[in-house]
């Protein structure tokens, strides 16, 4: 085997993790692919004969590429979406899979259950904070390997990760892991919504639940907070759910609403303590059209 063939094989072995790193950093599947491709190009331009751990080297290279992309995105960002409360947000690209079907590639991408709610919080972090948190907390990269990427000391990098961790834990508590129980909660919500049972809806919604809708540039963003406010919109949710089919969104229960075989909306549930703490809707027709739904629609 030639040196180039060996390098290509090694890179392909690490590609799933590099995609996972890039997705958590960027929240965009297409940009994540671009970042991984750039890592491959940099590998081809670099003499790695002295590199002891190619996987670690590729991870830090991918992190550096994503950091540059985030900084560039911040510098040229157009007017972001705003909810009714004036807070800016944009839902990340969802990873959609068929309910009850295990996709090995998606399993790697979503290995640490990084749900939509967590991705929303990650998008509020400064680029340096996001890099420190993602590489250290999600991929166990030592601070002394992250620090050179940021041009900081290890101690300063540790502080960045700690600050990001506090924000993440405060805004996106760890979701429940019992898949069957999560499905029960979602089914209970949908049944209550269809029946217009306000009390039953309150029973499955966390008092501080947040509902976010991203309609892109064509439709205004919407943010609602609190169980009573979200429950009051249950009739709208039920309308989407009537012709919906269950899916997995970032490894968690979700619902895809269809009309004439075309996706109308994608709903993701985040469940903590047996109650729904976040509902995220993607209704942007342009982004919905770009989703890979073959496993869902063909199932």
C-alpha atoms as a PDB file:
ATOM      1  CA  UNK A   1       0.000   0.000   0.000  1.00  0.00           C
ATOM      2  CA  UNK A   2       1.354   3.415  -0.980  1.00  0.00           C
ATOM      3  CA  UNK A   3       1.757   6.215   1.509  1.00  0.00           C
ATOM      4  CA  UNK A   4      -1.135   8.121  -0.088  1.00  0.00           C
ATOM      5  CA  UNK A   5      -3.421   5.075   0.086  1.00  0.00           C
ATOM      6  CA  UNK A   6      -2.538   4.520   3.731  1.00  0.00           C
ATOM      7  CA  UNK A   7      -3.198   8.179   4.526  1.00  0.00           C
ATOM      8  CA  UNK A   8      -6.555   8.057   2.732  1.00  0.00           C
ATOM      9  CA  UNK A   9      -7.589   4.930   4.618  1.00  0.00           C
ATOM     10  CA  UNK A  10      -6.588   6.469   7.941  1.00  0.00           C
ATOM     11  CA  UNK A  11      -8.546   9.614   7.156  1.00  0.00           C
ATOM     12  CA  UNK A  12     -11.688   7.668   6.264  1.00  0.00           C
ATOM     13  CA  UNK A  13     -11.501   5.855   9.590  1.00  0.00           C
ATOM     14  CA  UNK A  14     -11.534   9.184  11.392  1.00  0.00           C
ATOM     15  CA  UNK A  15     -14.061  10.923   9.124  1.00  0.00           C
ATOM     16  CA  UNK A  16     -17.170  10.110  11.258  1.00  0.00           C
ATOM     17  CA  UNK A  17     -15.649  11.710  14.352  1.00  0.00           C
ATOM     18  CA  UNK A  18     -14.426  14.707  12.379  1.00  0.00           C
ATOM     19  CA  UNK A  19     -17.964  15.228  11.045  1.00  0.00           C
ATOM     20  CA  UNK A  20     -19.274  14.992  14.592  1.00  0.00           C
ATOM     21  CA  UNK A  21     -16.780  17.617  15.788  1.00  0.00           C
ATOM     22  CA  UNK A  22     -17.583  19.949  12.891  1.00  0.00           C
ATOM     23  CA  UNK A  23     -21.356  19.578  13.311  1.00  0.00           C
ATOM     24  CA  UNK A  24     -21.188  20.460  17.000  1.00  0.00           C
ATOM     25  CA  UNK A  25     -18.996  23.433  16.197  1.00  0.00           C
ATOM     26  CA  UNK A  26     -21.015  24.770  13.270  1.00  0.00           C
ATOM     27  CA  UNK A  27     -24.578  23.466  13.589  1.00  0.00           C
ATOM     28  CA  UNK A  28     -24.648  23.127   9.796  1.00  0.00           C
ATOM     29  CA  UNK A  29     -24.349  19.773   8.056  1.00  0.00           C
ATOM     30  CA  UNK A  30     -23.121  21.287   4.782  1.00  0.00           C
ATOM     31  CA  UNK A  31     -20.530  23.480   6.509  1.00  0.00           C
ATOM     32  CA  UNK A  32     -19.440  20.481   8.569  1.00  0.00           C
ATOM     33  CA  UNK A  33     -18.795  18.529   5.379  1.00  0.00           C
ATOM     34  CA  UNK A  34     -16.839  21.463   3.966  1.00  0.00           C
ATOM     35  CA  UNK A  35     -14.725  21.638   7.127  1.00  0.00           C
ATOM     36  CA  UNK A  36     -13.936  17.920   6.974  1.00  0.00           C
ATOM     37  CA  UNK A  37     -12.997  18.235   3.313  1.00  0.00           C
ATOM     38  CA  UNK A  38     -10.653  21.115   4.162  1.00  0.00           C
ATOM     39  CA  UNK A  39      -9.064  18.955   6.867  1.00  0.00           C
ATOM     40  CA  UNK A  40      -8.410  16.313   4.206  1.00  0.00           C
ATOM     41  CA  UNK A  41      -6.768  18.907   1.951  1.00  0.00           C
ATOM     42  CA  UNK A  42      -4.573  20.144   4.799  1.00  0.00           C
ATOM     43  CA  UNK A  43      -3.576  16.587   5.582  1.00  0.00           C
ATOM     44  CA  UNK A  44      -2.399  16.194   2.003  1.00  0.00           C
ATOM     45  CA  UNK A  45      -0.260  19.331   2.288  1.00  0.00           C
ATOM     46  CA  UNK A  46       1.331  18.354   5.606  1.00  0.00           C
ATOM     47  CA  UNK A  47       4.170  16.026   6.480  1.00  0.00           C
ATOM     48  CA  UNK A  48       2.693  13.927   9.280  1.00  0.00           C
ATOM     49  CA  UNK A  49       5.502  11.402   9.620  1.00  0.00           C
ATOM     50  CA  UNK A  50       6.255  12.733  13.114  1.00  0.00           C
ATOM     51  CA  UNK A  51       2.601  12.785  14.186  1.00  0.00           C
ATOM     52  CA  UNK A  52       2.049  10.094  16.801  1.00  0.00           C
ATOM     53  CA  UNK A  53      -1.756  10.298  16.960  1.00  0.00           C
ATOM     54  CA  UNK A  54      -3.265  11.159  13.585  1.00  0.00           C
ATOM     55  CA  UNK A  55      -6.813  11.134  14.955  1.00  0.00           C
ATOM     56  CA  UNK A  56      -5.978  13.739  17.578  1.00  0.00           C
ATOM     57  CA  UNK A  57      -4.109  15.814  14.999  1.00  0.00           C
ATOM     58  CA  UNK A  58      -7.070  15.737  12.605  1.00  0.00           C
ATOM     59  CA  UNK A  59      -9.465  16.645  15.406  1.00  0.00           C
ATOM     60  CA  UNK A  60      -7.515  19.752  16.337  1.00  0.00           C
ATOM     61  CA  UNK A  61      -7.105  20.713  12.664  1.00  0.00           C
ATOM     62  CA  UNK A  62     -10.852  20.380  12.152  1.00  0.00           C
ATOM     63  CA  UNK A  63     -11.455  22.440  15.283  1.00  0.00           C
ATOM     64  CA  UNK A  64      -9.184  25.202  13.966  1.00  0.00           C
ATOM     65  CA  UNK A  65     -11.003  25.229  10.620  1.00  0.00           C
ATOM     66  CA  UNK A  66     -14.374  25.456  12.370  1.00  0.00           C
ATOM     67  CA  UNK A  67     -13.132  28.256  14.620  1.00  0.00           C
ATOM     68  CA  UNK A  68     -12.141  30.273  11.555  1.00  0.00           C
ATOM     69  CA  UNK A  69     -15.542  29.603   9.971  1.00  0.00           C
ATOM     70  CA  UNK A  70     -17.367  30.695  13.117  1.00  0.00           C
ATOM     71  CA  UNK A  71     -15.360  33.903  13.354  1.00  0.00           C
ATOM     72  CA  UNK A  72     -15.990  34.633   9.691  1.00  0.00           C
ATOM     73  CA  UNK A  73     -19.695  33.908  10.135  1.00  0.00           C
ATOM     74  CA  UNK A  74     -19.891  36.313  13.072  1.00  0.00           C
ATOM     75  CA  UNK A  75     -18.139  39.034  11.101  1.00  0.00           C
ATOM     76  CA  UNK A  76     -20.473  38.791   8.090  1.00  0.00           C
ATOM     77  CA  UNK A  77     -23.704  37.653   9.791  1.00  0.00           C
ATOM     78  CA  UNK A  78     -26.875  39.066   8.316  1.00  0.00           C
ATOM     79  CA  UNK A  79     -29.798  40.088  10.495  1.00  0.00           C
ATOM     80  CA  UNK A  80     -30.629  36.975  12.503  1.00  0.00           C
ATOM     81  CA  UNK A  81     -34.107  35.706  13.281  1.00  0.00           C
ATOM     82  CA  UNK A  82     -35.805  37.050  16.371  1.00  0.00           C
ATOM     83  CA  UNK A  83     -38.520  35.599  18.499  1.00  0.00           C
ATOM     84  CA  UNK A  84     -41.430  37.535  19.979  1.00  0.00           C
ATOM     85  CA  UNK A  85     -39.295  38.287  23.012  1.00  0.00           C
ATOM     86  CA  UNK A  86     -36.633  39.857  20.800  1.00  0.00           C
ATOM     87  CA  UNK A  87     -34.047  37.130  21.381  1.00  0.00           C
ATOM     88  CA  UNK A  88     -32.049  36.111  18.359  1.00  0.00           C
ATOM     89  CA  UNK A  89     -31.944  32.479  17.309  1.00  0.00           C
ATOM     90  CA  UNK A  90     -31.603  30.110  14.402  1.00  0.00           C
ATOM     91  CA  UNK A  91     -32.270  26.427  14.735  1.00  0.00           C
ATOM     92  CA  UNK A  92     -29.320  24.229  13.747  1.00  0.00           C
ATOM     93  CA  UNK A  93     -29.581  21.700  10.953  1.00  0.00           C
ATOM     94  CA  UNK A  94     -31.345  18.642  12.359  1.00  0.00           C
ATOM     95  CA  UNK A  95     -30.106  15.088  11.903  1.00  0.00           C
ATOM     96  CA  UNK A  96     -33.261  13.182  10.955  1.00  0.00           C
ATOM     97  CA  UNK A  97     -33.649   9.416  11.053  1.00  0.00           C
ATOM     98  CA  UNK A  98     -36.419   6.848  10.854  1.00  0.00           C
ATOM     99  CA  UNK A  99     -37.934   6.020  14.212  1.00  0.00           C
ATOM    100  CA  UNK A 100     -36.837   2.597  15.439  1.00  0.00           C
ATOM    101  CA  UNK A 101     -34.070   2.280  12.829  1.00  0.00           C
ATOM    102  CA  UNK A 102     -30.412   2.416  13.861  1.00  0.00           C
ATOM    103  CA  UNK A 103     -28.178   4.181  11.343  1.00  0.00           C
ATOM    104  CA  UNK A 104     -24.512   3.550  12.264  1.00  0.00           C
ATOM    105  CA  UNK A 105     -23.361   6.822  10.706  1.00  0.00           C
ATOM    106  CA  UNK A 106     -25.984   8.813  12.599  1.00  0.00           C
ATOM    107  CA  UNK A 107     -25.126   6.925  15.785  1.00  0.00           C
ATOM    108  CA  UNK A 108     -21.571   8.259  15.532  1.00  0.00           C
ATOM    109  CA  UNK A 109     -22.746  11.762  14.671  1.00  0.00           C
ATOM    110  CA  UNK A 110     -25.136  11.836  17.632  1.00  0.00           C
ATOM    111  CA  UNK A 111     -23.072   9.653  19.992  1.00  0.00           C
ATOM    112  CA  UNK A 112     -23.359  11.961  23.000  1.00  0.00           C
ATOM    113  CA  UNK A 113     -27.031  12.813  22.441  1.00  0.00           C
ATOM    114  CA  UNK A 114     -26.375  16.371  21.386  1.00  0.00           C
ATOM    115  CA  UNK A 115     -29.988  17.363  20.885  1.00  0.00           C
ATOM    116  CA  UNK A 116     -31.427  20.390  19.149  1.00  0.00           C
ATOM    117  CA  UNK A 117     -31.850  22.278  22.434  1.00  0.00           C
ATOM    118  CA  UNK A 118     -28.159  21.862  23.240  1.00  0.00           C
ATOM    119  CA  UNK A 119     -27.179  22.927  19.724  1.00  0.00           C
ATOM    120  CA  UNK A 120     -29.257  26.092  20.132  1.00  0.00           C
ATOM    121  CA  UNK A 121     -27.311  26.933  23.295  1.00  0.00           C
ATOM    122  CA  UNK A 122     -23.971  26.158  21.641  1.00  0.00           C
ATOM    123  CA  UNK A 123     -24.844  28.689  18.957  1.00  0.00           C
ATOM    124  CA  UNK A 124     -25.040  31.417  21.614  1.00  0.00           C
ATOM    125  CA  UNK A 125     -21.452  30.842  22.749  1.00  0.00           C
ATOM    126  CA  UNK A 126     -18.558  32.916  21.514  1.00  0.00           C
ATOM    127  CA  UNK A 127     -16.417  30.996  18.970  1.00  0.00           C
ATOM    128  CA  UNK A 128     -13.552  30.456  21.427  1.00  0.00           C
ATOM    129  CA  UNK A 129     -15.925  29.268  24.164  1.00  0.00           C
ATOM    130  CA  UNK A 130     -17.606  26.873  21.784  1.00  0.00           C
ATOM    131  CA  UNK A 131     -14.308  25.399  20.650  1.00  0.00           C
ATOM    132  CA  UNK A 132     -13.040  24.907  24.205  1.00  0.00           C
ATOM    133  CA  UNK A 133     -16.294  23.301  25.330  1.00  0.00           C
ATOM    134  CA  UNK A 134     -16.843  21.072  22.288  1.00  0.00           C
ATOM    135  CA  UNK A 135     -13.290  19.751  22.056  1.00  0.00           C
ATOM    136  CA  UNK A 136     -12.790  19.230  25.790  1.00  0.00           C
ATOM    137  CA  UNK A 137     -16.218  18.329  27.170  1.00  0.00           C
ATOM    138  CA  UNK A 138     -17.574  16.405  24.182  1.00  0.00           C
ATOM    139  CA  UNK A 139     -14.377  14.920  22.705  1.00  0.00           C
ATOM    140  CA  UNK A 140     -11.982  14.830  25.668  1.00  0.00           C
ATOM    141  CA  UNK A 141      -9.242  16.842  23.975  1.00  0.00           C
ATOM    142  CA  UNK A 142      -6.756  18.060  26.647  1.00  0.00           C
ATOM    143  CA  UNK A 143      -6.637  21.794  27.294  1.00  0.00           C
ATOM    144  CA  UNK A 144      -2.939  21.952  26.438  1.00  0.00           C
ATOM    145  CA  UNK A 145      -3.847  20.816  22.899  1.00  0.00           C
ATOM    146  CA  UNK A 146      -6.735  23.261  22.566  1.00  0.00           C
ATOM    147  CA  UNK A 147      -4.846  26.283  23.899  1.00  0.00           C
ATOM    148  CA  UNK A 148      -2.511  26.699  20.859  1.00  0.00           C
ATOM    149  CA  UNK A 149      -5.537  26.799  18.530  1.00  0.00           C
ATOM    150  CA  UNK A 150      -6.907  29.754  20.480  1.00  0.00           C
ATOM    151  CA  UNK A 151      -3.556  31.394  21.158  1.00  0.00           C
ATOM    152  CA  UNK A 152      -4.219  31.195  24.897  1.00  0.00           C
ATOM    153  CA  UNK A 153      -2.743  29.484  27.919  1.00  0.00           C
ATOM    154  CA  UNK A 154      -4.139  26.170  29.132  1.00  0.00           C
ATOM    155  CA  UNK A 155      -5.482  27.908  32.242  1.00  0.00           C
ATOM    156  CA  UNK A 156      -7.299  30.522  30.163  1.00  0.00           C
ATOM    157  CA  UNK A 157      -8.713  27.830  27.889  1.00  0.00           C
ATOM    158  CA  UNK A 158      -9.942  25.915  30.919  1.00  0.00           C
ATOM    159  CA  UNK A 159     -11.761  29.044  32.102  1.00  0.00           C
ATOM    160  CA  UNK A 160     -13.417  29.417  28.696  1.00  0.00           C
ATOM    161  CA  UNK A 161     -14.696  25.840  28.821  1.00  0.00           C
ATOM    162  CA  UNK A 162     -15.892  26.286  32.394  1.00  0.00           C
ATOM    163  CA  UNK A 163     -17.834  29.426  31.480  1.00  0.00           C
ATOM    164  CA  UNK A 164     -19.394  27.690  28.485  1.00  0.00           C
ATOM    165  CA  UNK A 165     -20.251  24.634  30.602  1.00  0.00           C
ATOM    166  CA  UNK A 166     -22.157  26.745  33.113  1.00  0.00           C
ATOM    167  CA  UNK A 167     -24.204  28.345  30.347  1.00  0.00           C
ATOM    168  CA  UNK A 168     -24.934  24.996  28.728  1.00  0.00           C
ATOM    169  CA  UNK A 169     -25.967  23.324  31.980  1.00  0.00           C
ATOM    170  CA  UNK A 170     -28.183  26.258  32.894  1.00  0.00           C
ATOM    171  CA  UNK A 171     -29.951  26.505  29.539  1.00  0.00           C
ATOM    172  CA  UNK A 172     -29.942  22.904  28.299  1.00  0.00           C
ATOM    173  CA  UNK A 173     -30.205  20.308  31.092  1.00  0.00           C
ATOM    174  CA  UNK A 174     -29.218  16.775  30.171  1.00  0.00           C
ATOM    175  CA  UNK A 175     -32.189  15.085  28.451  1.00  0.00           C
ATOM    176  CA  UNK A 176     -33.722  11.847  29.673  1.00  0.00           C
ATOM    177  CA  UNK A 177     -32.145   8.750  28.130  1.00  0.00           C
ATOM    178  CA  UNK A 178     -34.963   6.209  28.472  1.00  0.00           C
ATOM    179  CA  UNK A 179     -36.171   5.989  24.874  1.00  0.00           C
ATOM    180  CA  UNK A 180     -39.428   4.210  25.667  1.00  0.00           C
ATOM    181  CA  UNK A 181     -40.337   6.741  28.352  1.00  0.00           C
ATOM    182  CA  UNK A 182     -39.509   9.658  26.052  1.00  0.00           C
ATOM    183  CA  UNK A 183     -41.778   8.200  23.396  1.00  0.00           C
ATOM    184  CA  UNK A 184     -44.580   7.870  25.956  1.00  0.00           C
ATOM    185  CA  UNK A 185     -44.246  11.534  26.876  1.00  0.00           C
ATOM    186  CA  UNK A 186     -44.372  12.620  23.219  1.00  0.00           C
ATOM    187  CA  UNK A 187     -47.381  10.390  22.529  1.00  0.00           C
ATOM    188  CA  UNK A 188     -49.141  11.841  25.577  1.00  0.00           C
ATOM    189  CA  UNK A 189     -48.474  15.376  24.356  1.00  0.00           C
ATOM    190  CA  UNK A 190     -49.791  14.625  20.866  1.00  0.00           C
ATOM    191  CA  UNK A 191     -52.885  12.874  22.199  1.00  0.00           C
ATOM    192  CA  UNK A 192     -53.644  15.787  24.531  1.00  0.00           C
ATOM    193  CA  UNK A 193     -53.072  18.294  21.730  1.00  0.00           C
ATOM    194  CA  UNK A 194     -55.441  16.474  19.373  1.00  0.00           C
ATOM    195  CA  UNK A 195     -58.066  16.264  22.090  1.00  0.00           C
ATOM    196  CA  UNK A 196     -57.600  19.872  23.128  1.00  0.00           C
ATOM    197  CA  UNK A 197     -57.062  18.699  26.711  1.00  0.00           C
ATOM    198  CA  UNK A 198     -55.375  21.694  28.349  1.00  0.00           C
ATOM    199  CA  UNK A 199     -54.844  20.014  31.721  1.00  0.00           C
ATOM    200  CA  UNK A 200     -53.272  16.943  30.108  1.00  0.00           C
ATOM    201  CA  UNK A 201     -50.927  19.203  28.164  1.00  0.00           C
ATOM    202  CA  UNK A 202     -49.842  20.986  31.326  1.00  0.00           C
ATOM    203  CA  UNK A 203     -49.114  17.580  32.867  1.00  0.00           C
ATOM    204  CA  UNK A 204     -46.472  16.743  30.232  1.00  0.00           C
ATOM    205  CA  UNK A 205     -45.004  20.238  29.805  1.00  0.00           C
ATOM    206  CA  UNK A 206     -42.326  21.583  32.120  1.00  0.00           C
ATOM    207  CA  UNK A 207     -43.481  24.851  33.730  1.00  0.00           C
ATOM    208  CA  UNK A 208     -40.567  26.655  32.026  1.00  0.00           C
ATOM    209  CA  UNK A 209     -40.919  24.932  28.637  1.00  0.00           C
ATOM    210  CA  UNK A 210     -39.751  26.926  25.608  1.00  0.00           C
ATOM    211  CA  UNK A 211     -41.154  26.509  22.100  1.00  0.00           C
ATOM    212  CA  UNK A 212     -39.123  27.875  19.187  1.00  0.00           C
ATOM    213  CA  UNK A 213     -40.046  28.033  15.505  1.00  0.00           C
ATOM    214  CA  UNK A 214     -37.594  28.816  12.702  1.00  0.00           C
ATOM    215  CA  UNK A 215     -39.365  29.697   9.468  1.00  0.00           C
ATOM    216  CA  UNK A 216     -36.337  31.164   7.727  1.00  0.00           C
ATOM    217  CA  UNK A 217     -36.458  34.484   5.901  1.00  0.00           C
ATOM    218  CA  UNK A 218     -40.007  33.965   4.635  1.00  0.00           C
ATOM    219  CA  UNK A 219     -41.709  33.464   7.993  1.00  0.00           C
ATOM    220  CA  UNK A 220     -41.053  35.255  11.282  1.00  0.00           C
ATOM    221  CA  UNK A 221     -39.331  33.360  14.045  1.00  0.00           C
ATOM    222  CA  UNK A 222     -41.448  32.568  17.064  1.00  0.00           C
ATOM    223  CA  UNK A 223     -40.517  31.910  20.691  1.00  0.00           C
ATOM    224  CA  UNK A 224     -43.025  31.048  23.399  1.00  0.00           C
ATOM    225  CA  UNK A 225     -42.206  30.352  27.025  1.00  0.00           C
ATOM    226  CA  UNK A 226     -44.097  28.742  29.871  1.00  0.00           C
ATOM    227  CA  UNK A 227     -46.430  25.758  29.978  1.00  0.00           C
ATOM    228  CA  UNK A 228     -49.661  27.758  29.772  1.00  0.00           C
ATOM    229  CA  UNK A 229     -48.537  29.756  26.731  1.00  0.00           C
ATOM    230  CA  UNK A 230     -47.222  26.681  24.922  1.00  0.00           C
ATOM    231  CA  UNK A 231     -50.282  24.608  25.812  1.00  0.00           C
ATOM    232  CA  UNK A 232     -52.522  27.330  24.413  1.00  0.00           C
ATOM    233  CA  UNK A 233     -50.928  26.713  21.015  1.00  0.00           C
ATOM    234  CA  UNK A 234     -51.576  22.963  21.187  1.00  0.00           C
ATOM    235  CA  UNK A 235     -54.282  23.144  18.539  1.00  0.00           C
ATOM    236  CA  UNK A 236     -51.674  24.412  16.085  1.00  0.00           C
ATOM    237  CA  UNK A 237     -49.275  21.652  17.121  1.00  0.00           C
ATOM    238  CA  UNK A 238     -52.079  19.104  16.687  1.00  0.00           C
ATOM    239  CA  UNK A 239     -52.751  20.318  13.173  1.00  0.00           C
ATOM    240  CA  UNK A 240     -49.151  19.497  12.253  1.00  0.00           C
ATOM    241  CA  UNK A 241     -49.303  16.168  14.072  1.00  0.00           C
ATOM    242  CA  UNK A 242     -52.470  14.862  12.416  1.00  0.00           C
ATOM    243  CA  UNK A 243     -50.629  13.945   9.208  1.00  0.00           C
ATOM    244  CA  UNK A 244     -47.240  13.486  10.851  1.00  0.00           C
ATOM    245  CA  UNK A 245     -45.013  10.517  11.169  1.00  0.00           C
ATOM    246  CA  UNK A 246     -42.682   9.767  14.072  1.00  0.00           C
ATOM    247  CA  UNK A 247     -38.983  10.335  13.429  1.00  0.00           C
ATOM    248  CA  UNK A 248     -35.772  10.755  15.356  1.00  0.00           C
ATOM    249  CA  UNK A 249     -34.339  14.269  15.463  1.00  0.00           C
ATOM    250  CA  UNK A 250     -30.782  14.305  16.743  1.00  0.00           C
ATOM    251  CA  UNK A 251     -31.461  10.975  18.382  1.00  0.00           C
ATOM    252  CA  UNK A 252     -34.579  12.181  20.224  1.00  0.00           C
ATOM    253  CA  UNK A 253     -38.295  11.704  19.412  1.00  0.00           C
ATOM    254  CA  UNK A 254     -39.680  14.035  16.783  1.00  0.00           C
ATOM    255  CA  UNK A 255     -42.515  14.464  14.330  1.00  0.00           C
ATOM    256  CA  UNK A 256     -42.394  15.179  10.606  1.00  0.00           C
ATOM    257  CA  UNK A 257     -45.518  16.789   9.124  1.00  0.00           C
ATOM    258  CA  UNK A 258     -46.198  16.091   5.457  1.00  0.00           C
ATOM    259  CA  UNK A 259     -48.535  17.455   2.786  1.00  0.00           C
ATOM    260  CA  UNK A 260     -48.748  15.632  -0.538  1.00  0.00           C
ATOM    261  CA  UNK A 261     -45.534  13.840   0.365  1.00  0.00           C
ATOM    262  CA  UNK A 262     -43.648  17.079   0.986  1.00  0.00           C
ATOM    263  CA  UNK A 263     -42.331  18.106   4.414  1.00  0.00           C
ATOM    264  CA  UNK A 264     -44.216  20.988   6.002  1.00  0.00           C
ATOM    265  CA  UNK A 265     -42.514  21.062   9.381  1.00  0.00           C
ATOM    266  CA  UNK A 266     -40.184  19.122  11.622  1.00  0.00           C
ATOM    267  CA  UNK A 267     -40.769  19.107  15.369  1.00  0.00           C
ATOM    268  CA  UNK A 268     -38.146  18.043  17.924  1.00  0.00           C
ATOM    269  CA  UNK A 269     -38.870  17.330  21.589  1.00  0.00           C
ATOM    270  CA  UNK A 270     -36.411  17.691  24.460  1.00  0.00           C
ATOM    271  CA  UNK A 271     -37.500  15.809  27.573  1.00  0.00           C
ATOM    272  CA  UNK A 272     -36.024  16.182  31.048  1.00  0.00           C
ATOM    273  CA  UNK A 273     -37.432  14.731  34.252  1.00  0.00           C
ATOM    274  CA  UNK A 274     -40.292  13.106  32.389  1.00  0.00           C
ATOM    275  CA  UNK A 275     -41.564  16.426  30.991  1.00  0.00           C
ATOM    276  CA  UNK A 276     -41.047  18.354  27.783  1.00  0.00           C
ATOM    277  CA  UNK A 277     -38.663  21.239  28.395  1.00  0.00           C
ATOM    278  CA  UNK A 278     -38.217  22.336  24.760  1.00  0.00           C
ATOM    279  CA  UNK A 279     -40.145  22.122  21.500  1.00  0.00           C
ATOM    280  CA  UNK A 280     -38.286  23.136  18.359  1.00  0.00           C
ATOM    281  CA  UNK A 281     -39.998  23.568  15.003  1.00  0.00           C
ATOM    282  CA  UNK A 282     -38.256  23.879  11.655  1.00  0.00           C
ATOM    283  CA  UNK A 283     -40.739  25.302   9.139  1.00  0.00           C
ATOM    284  CA  UNK A 284     -38.298  26.963   6.735  1.00  0.00           C
ATOM    285  CA  UNK A 285     -39.289  25.455   3.344  1.00  0.00           C
ATOM    286  CA  UNK A 286     -35.820  25.943   1.868  1.00  0.00           C
ATOM    287  CA  UNK A 287     -34.057  24.101   4.690  1.00  0.00           C
ATOM    288  CA  UNK A 288     -36.708  21.387   4.876  1.00  0.00           C
ATOM    289  CA  UNK A 289     -36.231  20.743   1.156  1.00  0.00           C
ATOM    290  CA  UNK A 290     -32.514  20.185   1.717  1.00  0.00           C
ATOM    291  CA  UNK A 291     -32.984  17.551   4.431  1.00  0.00           C
ATOM    292  CA  UNK A 292     -32.131  13.950   3.618  1.00  0.00           C
ATOM    293  CA  UNK A 293     -35.458  12.268   4.430  1.00  0.00           C
ATOM    294  CA  UNK A 294     -35.022   9.183   2.259  1.00  0.00           C
ATOM    295  CA  UNK A 295     -34.867   6.795   5.234  1.00  0.00           C
ATOM    296  CA  UNK A 296     -38.029   8.344   6.657  1.00  0.00           C
ATOM    297  CA  UNK A 297     -40.105   8.672   3.488  1.00  0.00           C
ATOM    298  CA  UNK A 298     -39.101   5.304   2.065  1.00  0.00           C
ATOM    299  CA  UNK A 299     -39.695   3.473   5.352  1.00  0.00           C
END
